[in-house]
N, C-alpha and C. Protein backbone atom coordinates (compact mmCIF):
# COMPACT_ATOMS: atom_id res chain seq x y z
N MET A 1 186.25 56.83 114.14
CA MET A 1 187.11 55.65 113.90
C MET A 1 188.24 55.78 114.81
N LEU A 2 188.62 56.87 115.13
CA LEU A 2 189.92 57.26 116.05
C LEU A 2 189.67 56.28 117.34
N SER A 3 188.46 56.55 117.75
CA SER A 3 188.21 56.13 119.22
C SER A 3 188.27 54.52 119.30
N VAL A 4 187.83 53.76 118.20
CA VAL A 4 188.08 52.50 118.13
C VAL A 4 189.41 52.04 118.09
N ILE A 5 190.24 52.75 117.28
CA ILE A 5 191.74 52.42 117.39
C ILE A 5 192.39 52.68 118.66
N VAL A 6 191.96 53.80 119.26
CA VAL A 6 192.57 54.04 120.67
C VAL A 6 192.10 52.82 121.68
N SER A 7 190.78 52.59 121.58
CA SER A 7 190.49 51.41 122.47
C SER A 7 191.30 50.24 122.13
N ALA A 8 191.41 49.82 120.97
CA ALA A 8 192.24 48.66 120.48
C ALA A 8 193.53 48.62 121.08
N GLN A 9 194.12 49.82 120.96
CA GLN A 9 195.45 49.86 121.59
C GLN A 9 195.53 49.72 123.09
N ASP A 10 194.56 50.16 123.75
CA ASP A 10 194.39 50.15 125.19
C ASP A 10 193.95 48.60 125.56
N PHE A 11 193.55 47.86 124.65
CA PHE A 11 192.80 46.69 124.93
C PHE A 11 194.02 45.50 125.20
N ALA A 12 195.09 45.77 124.54
CA ALA A 12 196.29 44.88 124.73
C ALA A 12 196.65 44.54 125.93
N PRO A 13 196.74 45.49 127.15
CA PRO A 13 197.06 44.91 128.56
C PRO A 13 195.91 44.15 129.01
N VAL A 14 194.65 44.27 128.64
CA VAL A 14 193.74 43.31 129.22
C VAL A 14 193.88 42.02 128.57
N VAL A 15 194.31 41.90 127.22
CA VAL A 15 194.63 40.46 126.63
C VAL A 15 195.65 39.79 127.54
N GLN A 16 196.67 40.61 127.86
CA GLN A 16 197.86 40.11 128.83
C GLN A 16 197.35 39.85 130.06
N ASN A 17 196.27 40.41 130.58
CA ASN A 17 195.74 39.97 131.97
C ASN A 17 195.03 38.61 131.80
N VAL A 18 194.31 38.57 130.80
CA VAL A 18 193.59 37.41 130.44
C VAL A 18 194.64 36.10 130.27
N ASN A 19 195.53 36.18 129.69
CA ASN A 19 196.56 35.12 129.58
C ASN A 19 197.25 34.91 130.76
N LYS A 20 197.51 35.80 131.73
CA LYS A 20 198.11 35.44 133.03
C LYS A 20 197.26 34.92 133.93
N ALA A 21 195.88 35.14 133.85
CA ALA A 21 194.85 34.85 134.87
C ALA A 21 195.07 33.21 135.24
N LYS A 22 194.97 33.03 136.52
CA LYS A 22 195.11 31.41 136.91
C LYS A 22 193.96 31.25 137.99
N GLU A 23 193.68 32.31 138.93
CA GLU A 23 192.70 31.98 139.97
C GLU A 23 191.41 32.65 139.60
N VAL A 24 190.32 32.36 140.40
CA VAL A 24 189.01 32.87 140.18
C VAL A 24 189.10 34.41 140.32
N SER A 25 189.82 34.78 141.37
CA SER A 25 189.88 36.37 141.50
C SER A 25 190.63 36.87 140.23
N ASP A 26 191.46 36.32 139.64
CA ASP A 26 192.37 36.89 138.54
C ASP A 26 191.26 36.96 137.45
N PHE A 27 190.36 36.09 137.29
CA PHE A 27 189.56 35.97 136.05
C PHE A 27 188.41 36.82 136.20
N MET A 28 187.98 37.18 137.65
CA MET A 28 186.96 38.09 137.88
C MET A 28 187.28 39.55 137.60
N GLN A 29 188.62 39.79 137.93
CA GLN A 29 189.00 40.93 137.66
C GLN A 29 189.24 41.50 136.12
N VAL A 30 189.49 40.49 135.43
CA VAL A 30 189.62 40.74 134.01
C VAL A 30 188.45 40.74 133.37
N ARG A 31 187.53 39.98 134.05
CA ARG A 31 186.06 40.03 133.48
C ARG A 31 185.55 41.38 133.50
N SER A 32 185.70 42.11 134.73
CA SER A 32 185.24 43.39 134.88
C SER A 32 185.94 44.29 133.85
N GLN A 33 187.24 44.12 133.60
CA GLN A 33 187.89 44.94 132.70
C GLN A 33 187.17 44.81 131.15
N LEU A 34 186.99 43.57 130.81
CA LEU A 34 186.29 43.43 129.63
C LEU A 34 184.91 43.93 129.58
N GLU A 35 184.16 43.79 130.61
CA GLU A 35 182.85 44.50 130.78
C GLU A 35 182.81 45.92 130.32
N ARG A 36 183.82 46.57 131.05
CA ARG A 36 183.95 47.95 130.83
C ARG A 36 184.37 48.37 129.32
N PHE A 37 185.10 47.66 128.69
CA PHE A 37 185.37 47.73 127.39
C PHE A 37 184.24 47.63 126.50
N LEU A 38 183.53 46.63 126.63
CA LEU A 38 182.18 46.43 125.96
C LEU A 38 181.26 47.48 126.17
N MET A 39 181.21 48.13 127.27
CA MET A 39 180.22 49.19 127.65
C MET A 39 180.54 50.39 126.86
N ALA A 40 181.93 50.57 126.57
CA ALA A 40 182.46 51.76 126.01
C ALA A 40 182.53 51.42 124.48
N GLN A 41 182.76 50.46 123.99
CA GLN A 41 182.94 49.92 122.71
C GLN A 41 182.17 48.58 122.45
N PRO A 42 180.88 48.55 122.20
CA PRO A 42 180.19 47.33 122.03
C PRO A 42 180.50 46.44 120.90
N GLN A 43 181.11 47.29 119.93
CA GLN A 43 181.45 46.76 118.60
C GLN A 43 182.73 46.01 118.49
N LEU A 44 183.54 46.18 119.66
CA LEU A 44 184.87 45.65 119.67
C LEU A 44 184.78 44.11 119.88
N SER A 45 184.66 43.34 118.75
CA SER A 45 184.37 41.87 118.79
C SER A 45 185.44 41.11 119.57
N LEU A 46 186.50 41.52 119.74
CA LEU A 46 187.65 40.74 120.48
C LEU A 46 187.54 40.90 121.97
N ALA A 47 186.79 41.88 122.41
CA ALA A 47 186.35 41.93 123.89
C ALA A 47 185.22 40.94 124.12
N THR A 48 184.35 40.90 123.31
CA THR A 48 183.23 39.78 123.36
C THR A 48 183.83 38.50 123.31
N TYR A 49 184.73 38.30 122.42
CA TYR A 49 185.52 36.87 122.20
C TYR A 49 186.22 36.66 123.64
N TYR A 50 186.88 37.46 124.07
CA TYR A 50 187.60 37.28 125.29
C TYR A 50 186.49 37.16 126.47
N LEU A 51 185.59 37.87 126.60
CA LEU A 51 184.65 37.63 127.58
C LEU A 51 184.00 36.23 127.70
N ALA A 52 183.84 35.72 126.50
CA ALA A 52 183.29 34.33 126.37
C ALA A 52 184.38 33.47 126.92
N TYR A 53 185.58 33.69 126.55
CA TYR A 53 186.80 32.74 126.80
C TYR A 53 186.86 32.77 128.52
N VAL A 54 186.74 34.00 129.02
CA VAL A 54 187.01 34.17 130.52
C VAL A 54 185.85 33.46 131.18
N ASP A 55 184.68 33.55 130.73
CA ASP A 55 183.46 32.87 131.37
C ASP A 55 183.82 31.36 131.22
N ILE A 56 184.25 30.81 130.12
CA ILE A 56 184.51 29.28 130.00
C ILE A 56 185.42 28.98 131.11
N LYS A 57 186.67 29.79 131.23
CA LYS A 57 187.68 29.51 132.03
C LYS A 57 187.12 29.57 133.43
N LEU A 58 186.23 30.54 133.77
CA LEU A 58 185.74 30.54 135.27
C LEU A 58 184.82 29.35 135.53
N SER A 59 184.13 28.78 134.45
CA SER A 59 183.32 27.54 134.60
C SER A 59 184.42 26.44 135.07
N LEU A 60 185.47 26.48 134.56
CA LEU A 60 186.47 25.29 134.80
C LEU A 60 187.07 25.54 136.18
N VAL A 61 187.25 26.72 136.72
CA VAL A 61 188.12 26.95 137.89
C VAL A 61 187.29 27.25 138.93
N ASP A 62 185.95 27.58 138.94
CA ASP A 62 184.99 27.89 140.01
C ASP A 62 184.40 26.78 140.39
N LEU A 63 184.56 26.36 141.76
CA LEU A 63 183.92 24.91 142.22
C LEU A 63 182.41 25.00 142.34
N SER A 64 181.81 26.30 142.37
CA SER A 64 180.34 26.43 142.47
C SER A 64 179.58 25.94 141.20
N ALA A 65 178.63 24.84 141.60
CA ALA A 65 178.03 24.46 140.22
C ALA A 65 177.08 25.72 139.79
N ASP A 66 176.61 26.19 140.69
CA ASP A 66 175.67 27.34 140.13
C ASP A 66 176.42 28.24 139.49
N ASN A 67 177.57 28.70 139.96
CA ASN A 67 178.53 29.67 139.08
C ASN A 67 178.86 29.02 137.65
N LYS A 68 179.26 27.62 137.60
CA LYS A 68 179.61 27.23 136.41
C LYS A 68 178.53 27.39 135.45
N GLU A 69 177.12 27.14 135.69
CA GLU A 69 175.99 27.21 134.86
C GLU A 69 175.87 28.77 134.34
N LYS A 70 175.95 29.47 135.34
CA LYS A 70 175.86 31.04 134.96
C LYS A 70 176.85 31.41 133.96
N TYR A 71 178.26 31.02 134.24
CA TYR A 71 179.37 31.38 133.30
C TYR A 71 179.02 30.79 132.01
N LEU A 72 178.64 29.52 132.02
CA LEU A 72 178.69 28.95 130.68
C LEU A 72 177.40 29.49 129.86
N ALA A 73 176.30 29.88 130.48
CA ALA A 73 175.22 30.66 129.92
C ALA A 73 175.69 31.93 129.40
N GLU A 74 176.53 32.67 130.20
CA GLU A 74 176.97 34.12 129.72
C GLU A 74 177.90 33.94 128.54
N ALA A 75 178.67 32.79 128.57
CA ALA A 75 179.72 32.57 127.39
C ALA A 75 178.74 32.30 126.14
N GLU A 76 177.79 31.49 126.30
CA GLU A 76 176.93 31.19 125.18
C GLU A 76 176.36 32.57 124.70
N THR A 77 175.84 33.28 125.47
CA THR A 77 175.39 34.62 125.01
C THR A 77 176.41 35.36 124.23
N CYS A 78 177.67 35.34 124.65
CA CYS A 78 178.64 36.15 123.85
C CYS A 78 178.91 35.40 122.63
N LEU A 79 179.09 34.12 122.54
CA LEU A 79 179.30 33.34 121.32
C LEU A 79 178.08 33.45 120.37
N ASN A 80 177.05 33.65 120.69
CA ASN A 80 175.96 33.87 119.78
C ASN A 80 176.04 35.20 119.18
N LYS A 81 176.39 36.21 119.95
CA LYS A 81 176.57 37.50 119.55
C LYS A 81 177.72 37.59 118.55
N LEU A 82 178.96 36.94 118.83
CA LEU A 82 179.94 36.67 117.90
C LEU A 82 179.64 36.16 116.52
N SER A 83 178.75 35.32 116.53
CA SER A 83 178.43 34.37 115.36
C SER A 83 177.80 35.48 114.38
N GLY A 84 177.29 36.42 114.81
CA GLY A 84 176.63 37.56 113.91
C GLY A 84 177.61 38.82 113.48
N MET A 85 178.96 38.77 113.87
CA MET A 85 179.86 39.84 113.72
C MET A 85 180.70 39.27 112.49
N LYS A 86 180.85 40.07 111.59
CA LYS A 86 181.64 39.90 110.45
C LYS A 86 183.11 39.95 110.43
N ASP A 87 183.62 40.75 111.49
CA ASP A 87 185.14 40.90 111.68
C ASP A 87 185.75 39.91 112.54
N ILE A 88 185.30 38.73 112.81
CA ILE A 88 185.83 37.85 113.69
C ILE A 88 186.17 36.49 112.80
N ASP A 89 187.35 35.97 113.20
CA ASP A 89 187.55 34.64 112.61
C ASP A 89 186.78 33.60 112.99
N LYS A 90 186.07 32.94 112.24
CA LYS A 90 185.05 31.91 112.56
C LYS A 90 185.61 30.53 113.09
N SER A 91 186.98 30.19 112.75
CA SER A 91 187.69 29.42 113.38
C SER A 91 187.76 29.44 114.96
N GLU A 92 188.00 30.69 115.34
CA GLU A 92 188.18 31.06 116.56
C GLU A 92 186.82 30.94 117.31
N VAL A 93 185.82 31.35 116.81
CA VAL A 93 184.36 31.22 117.42
C VAL A 93 184.19 29.83 117.54
N LEU A 94 184.36 28.91 116.50
CA LEU A 94 183.89 27.49 116.64
C LEU A 94 184.87 26.87 117.78
N THR A 95 186.03 27.20 117.80
CA THR A 95 186.94 26.81 118.91
C THR A 95 186.54 27.03 120.30
N LEU A 96 185.92 28.29 120.64
CA LEU A 96 185.33 28.56 121.94
C LEU A 96 184.17 27.88 122.03
N LYS A 97 183.35 27.60 120.99
CA LYS A 97 182.15 26.78 121.29
C LYS A 97 182.46 25.37 121.49
N GLY A 98 183.50 24.82 120.99
CA GLY A 98 183.88 23.59 121.41
C GLY A 98 184.27 23.49 122.81
N LEU A 99 185.14 24.48 123.17
CA LEU A 99 185.72 24.66 124.72
C LEU A 99 184.49 24.71 125.57
N ARG A 100 183.56 25.51 125.32
CA ARG A 100 182.30 25.56 126.08
C ARG A 100 181.60 24.34 126.27
N LEU A 101 181.57 23.49 125.23
CA LEU A 101 180.73 22.21 125.48
C LEU A 101 181.75 21.31 126.11
N TYR A 102 183.05 21.34 126.06
CA TYR A 102 183.93 20.61 126.83
C TYR A 102 183.71 21.01 128.21
N ALA A 103 183.58 22.33 128.71
CA ALA A 103 183.32 22.66 129.93
C ALA A 103 182.12 22.15 130.55
N LEU A 104 181.09 22.04 129.58
CA LEU A 104 179.71 21.62 130.05
C LEU A 104 179.74 19.89 130.32
N MET A 105 180.71 19.27 129.43
CA MET A 105 180.98 17.86 129.48
C MET A 105 181.66 17.68 130.90
N ALA A 106 182.69 18.49 131.23
CA ALA A 106 183.41 18.07 132.50
C ALA A 106 182.51 18.42 133.68
N SER A 107 181.45 19.29 133.52
CA SER A 107 180.71 19.47 134.81
C SER A 107 179.75 18.38 135.13
N ASN A 108 179.38 17.62 134.08
CA ASN A 108 178.74 16.40 134.28
C ASN A 108 178.95 15.36 133.28
N PRO A 109 180.07 14.64 133.45
CA PRO A 109 180.61 13.75 132.40
C PRO A 109 179.55 12.54 132.10
N GLN A 110 178.97 12.02 132.98
CA GLN A 110 177.98 10.92 132.90
C GLN A 110 176.92 11.27 131.73
N THR A 111 176.32 12.58 132.13
CA THR A 111 175.16 12.85 131.19
C THR A 111 175.68 13.58 129.86
N ASN A 112 176.69 14.68 130.06
CA ASN A 112 176.96 15.49 129.08
C ASN A 112 178.14 14.86 128.16
N GLY A 113 178.74 13.82 128.56
CA GLY A 113 179.72 13.28 127.69
C GLY A 113 179.12 12.53 126.52
N PRO A 114 178.22 11.83 126.44
CA PRO A 114 177.58 11.31 125.35
C PRO A 114 176.79 12.31 124.51
N LYS A 115 176.19 13.24 125.27
CA LYS A 115 175.39 14.45 124.65
C LYS A 115 176.29 15.45 123.76
N TYR A 116 177.52 15.58 124.28
CA TYR A 116 178.29 16.65 123.50
C TYR A 116 179.47 16.16 122.80
N SER A 117 179.92 14.95 123.04
CA SER A 117 181.28 14.49 122.49
C SER A 117 181.32 14.73 121.00
N GLY A 118 180.27 14.23 120.34
CA GLY A 118 180.29 14.36 118.74
C GLY A 118 180.38 15.80 118.30
N GLU A 119 179.62 16.56 119.06
CA GLU A 119 179.53 18.06 118.63
C GLU A 119 180.89 18.76 118.83
N ILE A 120 181.61 18.31 119.98
CA ILE A 120 182.81 19.06 120.29
C ILE A 120 183.78 18.52 119.24
N PHE A 121 183.81 17.43 118.84
CA PHE A 121 184.75 16.68 117.80
C PHE A 121 184.39 17.43 116.57
N SER A 122 183.29 17.76 116.01
CA SER A 122 182.79 18.42 114.82
C SER A 122 183.30 19.85 114.77
N LEU A 123 183.06 20.64 116.10
CA LEU A 123 183.38 22.02 116.02
C LEU A 123 184.95 22.18 115.94
N TYR A 124 185.79 21.32 116.62
CA TYR A 124 187.13 21.34 116.33
C TYR A 124 187.51 21.10 115.00
N ALA A 125 186.97 20.13 114.44
CA ALA A 125 187.35 19.76 112.93
C ALA A 125 187.00 20.96 112.02
N THR A 126 185.81 21.32 112.21
CA THR A 126 185.52 22.48 111.18
C THR A 126 186.37 23.70 111.57
N ALA A 127 186.68 24.08 112.83
CA ALA A 127 187.72 25.08 113.08
C ALA A 127 188.95 24.96 112.39
N LEU A 128 189.43 23.64 112.38
CA LEU A 128 190.70 23.39 111.75
C LEU A 128 190.50 23.33 110.40
N ALA A 129 189.49 23.08 109.82
CA ALA A 129 189.19 23.12 108.30
C ALA A 129 189.20 24.47 107.99
N LEU A 130 188.73 25.45 108.66
CA LEU A 130 188.88 26.95 108.37
C LEU A 130 190.14 27.55 108.45
N ASN A 131 190.91 27.06 109.42
CA ASN A 131 192.21 27.43 109.69
C ASN A 131 193.01 26.46 110.12
N PRO A 132 193.77 25.70 109.34
CA PRO A 132 194.55 24.51 109.87
C PRO A 132 195.70 24.86 110.74
N ASN A 133 196.31 26.12 110.69
CA ASN A 133 197.24 26.85 111.58
C ASN A 133 196.80 27.61 112.90
N ASN A 134 195.75 27.50 113.00
CA ASN A 134 195.16 28.00 114.26
C ASN A 134 195.59 27.03 115.49
N PRO A 135 196.39 27.28 116.27
CA PRO A 135 197.04 26.53 117.43
C PRO A 135 195.96 26.14 118.46
N ARG A 136 194.85 27.07 118.58
CA ARG A 136 193.88 26.70 119.75
C ARG A 136 193.05 25.35 119.33
N PRO A 137 192.40 25.28 118.23
CA PRO A 137 191.77 24.16 118.01
C PRO A 137 192.72 22.94 117.80
N ILE A 138 193.94 23.05 117.42
CA ILE A 138 194.81 22.00 117.37
C ILE A 138 195.13 21.42 118.80
N ILE A 139 195.48 22.22 119.66
CA ILE A 139 195.66 21.58 121.07
C ILE A 139 194.39 21.24 121.80
N LEU A 140 193.39 21.99 121.75
CA LEU A 140 192.23 21.50 122.40
C LEU A 140 191.66 20.23 121.81
N SER A 141 191.66 20.17 120.53
CA SER A 141 191.20 18.82 119.59
C SER A 141 192.27 17.74 120.19
N ALA A 142 193.45 17.96 120.40
CA ALA A 142 194.25 16.91 120.69
C ALA A 142 194.11 16.41 122.14
N LEU A 143 193.84 17.34 123.02
CA LEU A 143 193.58 17.08 124.33
C LEU A 143 192.25 16.05 124.41
N PHE A 144 191.24 16.61 123.71
CA PHE A 144 189.92 15.95 123.63
C PHE A 144 190.16 14.58 123.25
N LYS A 145 190.74 14.47 121.99
CA LYS A 145 190.89 13.20 121.47
C LYS A 145 191.73 12.23 122.38
N TYR A 146 192.62 12.73 123.11
CA TYR A 146 193.57 11.97 124.04
C TYR A 146 192.75 11.46 125.20
N ASP A 147 191.82 12.34 125.72
CA ASP A 147 190.99 12.01 126.89
C ASP A 147 190.08 10.99 126.34
N MET A 148 189.39 11.21 125.28
CA MET A 148 188.42 10.19 124.74
C MET A 148 189.19 8.87 124.57
N ALA A 149 190.27 8.90 123.84
CA ALA A 149 190.98 7.53 123.73
C ALA A 149 191.25 6.89 125.01
N LYS A 150 191.72 7.67 126.06
CA LYS A 150 192.15 7.03 127.18
C LYS A 150 190.71 6.54 127.84
N TYR A 151 189.63 7.17 127.92
CA TYR A 151 188.44 6.67 128.46
C TYR A 151 187.98 5.45 127.81
N LEU A 152 188.25 5.46 126.35
CA LEU A 152 188.02 4.06 125.81
C LEU A 152 189.07 2.93 125.81
N HIS A 153 190.02 3.31 126.64
CA HIS A 153 191.29 2.35 126.85
C HIS A 153 192.15 2.20 125.59
N GLN A 154 192.12 3.26 124.89
CA GLN A 154 192.89 3.31 123.63
C GLN A 154 194.00 4.25 123.78
N THR A 155 194.76 4.51 122.74
CA THR A 155 195.77 5.61 122.69
C THR A 155 195.53 6.46 121.46
N TYR A 156 195.83 7.81 121.70
CA TYR A 156 195.80 8.61 120.54
C TYR A 156 197.20 8.91 119.89
N GLU A 157 197.63 8.33 119.04
CA GLU A 157 198.92 8.24 118.51
C GLU A 157 199.49 9.65 118.06
N SER A 158 198.60 10.37 117.66
CA SER A 158 199.06 11.70 116.92
C SER A 158 199.28 12.76 118.13
N PHE A 159 199.04 12.40 119.31
CA PHE A 159 199.01 13.52 120.52
C PHE A 159 200.46 14.16 120.68
N PRO A 160 201.52 13.50 120.53
CA PRO A 160 202.77 14.20 120.56
C PRO A 160 203.01 15.10 119.36
N LYS A 161 202.57 14.67 118.21
CA LYS A 161 202.74 15.44 117.10
C LYS A 161 201.81 16.76 117.06
N ASP A 162 200.73 16.57 117.45
CA ASP A 162 199.78 17.81 117.73
C ASP A 162 200.23 18.68 118.55
N ILE A 163 200.81 18.26 119.86
CA ILE A 163 201.29 19.08 120.82
C ILE A 163 202.52 19.91 120.24
N GLU A 164 203.36 19.30 119.43
CA GLU A 164 204.34 19.99 118.92
C GLU A 164 204.06 20.99 117.72
N LYS A 165 203.02 20.64 116.99
CA LYS A 165 202.41 21.68 115.93
C LYS A 165 201.94 22.93 116.75
N ALA A 166 201.11 22.68 117.77
CA ALA A 166 200.40 23.64 118.55
C ALA A 166 201.58 24.72 119.11
N SER A 167 202.57 23.79 119.71
CA SER A 167 203.56 24.59 120.35
C SER A 167 204.40 25.54 119.43
N THR A 168 204.74 25.00 118.14
CA THR A 168 205.44 25.67 117.10
C THR A 168 204.62 26.92 116.76
N LEU A 169 203.35 26.71 116.41
CA LEU A 169 202.45 27.80 116.01
C LEU A 169 202.31 28.92 117.13
N PHE A 170 202.12 28.44 118.44
CA PHE A 170 202.10 29.42 119.54
C PHE A 170 203.31 30.34 119.45
N ALA A 171 204.48 29.64 119.38
CA ALA A 171 205.75 30.22 119.35
C ALA A 171 205.86 31.44 118.24
N ALA A 172 205.19 31.17 117.02
CA ALA A 172 205.33 31.97 115.99
C ALA A 172 204.29 33.10 115.95
N GLN A 173 203.28 32.97 117.00
CA GLN A 173 202.27 33.91 116.93
C GLN A 173 202.75 35.42 117.48
N ASP A 174 202.25 36.26 116.65
CA ASP A 174 202.56 37.84 117.01
C ASP A 174 201.61 38.27 118.23
N SER A 175 202.24 38.37 119.24
CA SER A 175 201.46 38.79 120.30
C SER A 175 201.15 40.32 120.50
N THR A 176 201.73 40.94 119.51
CA THR A 176 201.45 42.30 119.54
C THR A 176 200.12 42.69 118.74
N LEU A 177 199.76 41.75 117.84
CA LEU A 177 198.50 41.90 117.14
C LEU A 177 197.39 41.70 118.00
N LEU A 178 196.17 42.38 117.99
CA LEU A 178 195.11 42.18 118.73
C LEU A 178 194.14 41.20 118.00
N THR A 179 194.52 39.91 118.11
CA THR A 179 193.99 38.89 117.85
C THR A 179 194.00 37.78 119.12
N PRO A 180 193.16 36.64 119.06
CA PRO A 180 193.33 35.76 120.25
C PRO A 180 194.84 35.16 120.12
N THR A 181 195.10 35.21 121.63
CA THR A 181 196.49 34.77 121.81
C THR A 181 196.52 33.77 122.82
N TRP A 182 195.40 33.44 123.49
CA TRP A 182 195.47 32.51 124.49
C TRP A 182 195.81 31.09 124.19
N GLY A 183 196.05 30.17 125.01
CA GLY A 183 196.23 28.64 124.61
C GLY A 183 197.41 28.16 124.94
N LYS A 184 198.48 28.82 125.22
CA LYS A 184 199.74 28.43 125.41
C LYS A 184 199.63 27.64 126.57
N ASN A 185 198.92 27.76 127.70
CA ASN A 185 198.98 27.14 129.05
C ASN A 185 198.15 25.63 128.67
N TRP A 186 197.42 25.64 127.69
CA TRP A 186 196.73 24.19 127.25
C TRP A 186 197.83 23.31 126.73
N VAL A 187 199.00 23.92 125.99
CA VAL A 187 200.27 23.01 125.55
C VAL A 187 200.89 22.48 126.80
N ASP A 188 201.13 23.52 127.90
CA ASP A 188 201.81 23.01 129.04
C ASP A 188 201.03 21.89 129.73
N PHE A 189 199.63 21.99 129.79
CA PHE A 189 198.68 20.97 130.33
C PHE A 189 198.99 19.69 129.68
N ALA A 190 198.83 19.92 128.29
CA ALA A 190 198.95 18.59 127.40
C ALA A 190 200.43 17.92 127.53
N LEU A 191 201.47 18.59 127.79
CA LEU A 191 202.70 18.10 128.06
C LEU A 191 202.61 17.41 129.51
N SER A 192 202.06 17.79 130.28
CA SER A 192 201.97 17.11 131.64
C SER A 192 201.25 15.92 131.56
N LYS A 193 200.51 15.66 130.54
CA LYS A 193 199.80 14.23 130.35
C LYS A 193 200.73 13.29 129.54
N LYS A 194 201.68 13.68 128.77
CA LYS A 194 202.60 12.78 128.00
C LYS A 194 203.11 11.62 128.99
């Protein structure tokens, strides 16, 4: 049991690296760190969770279509593994599943938009039903609804309120706990759309 605790303590800098990553090379470096953690501690669900997140982010920042598909497939494998773990917040897993589908949709909007938009909406809604104070599905759902409304030449009236709620929840989040902490950059992205 002590080795798991030591590994969890050692994991905090990796989470910080995930949250700082912006370029493909940053994500590749942190991806390697996550893989090493999983080789040593395969039961560390947070490492699997963050590996899925990094793969999704890589699919959004890497310009190669082949790489996008590879990263999204690897993220799906991690998410399937997480679904069977008991010590993970299901709201967080559903949020990542929604983000993965959003990345699939972004890679081919004409084909994947109609195919995945209903499921994305449902995943975020279920994540929020499980944990209405989880800032990640709040901001991702708000961005998705905003973009869908814009596509349909409508407005999403709750967008500013959702951004504010997510921002407040992120500010109150204890970054010293080993729980998911990513997402503040999505608030910044949403603010740039206002």
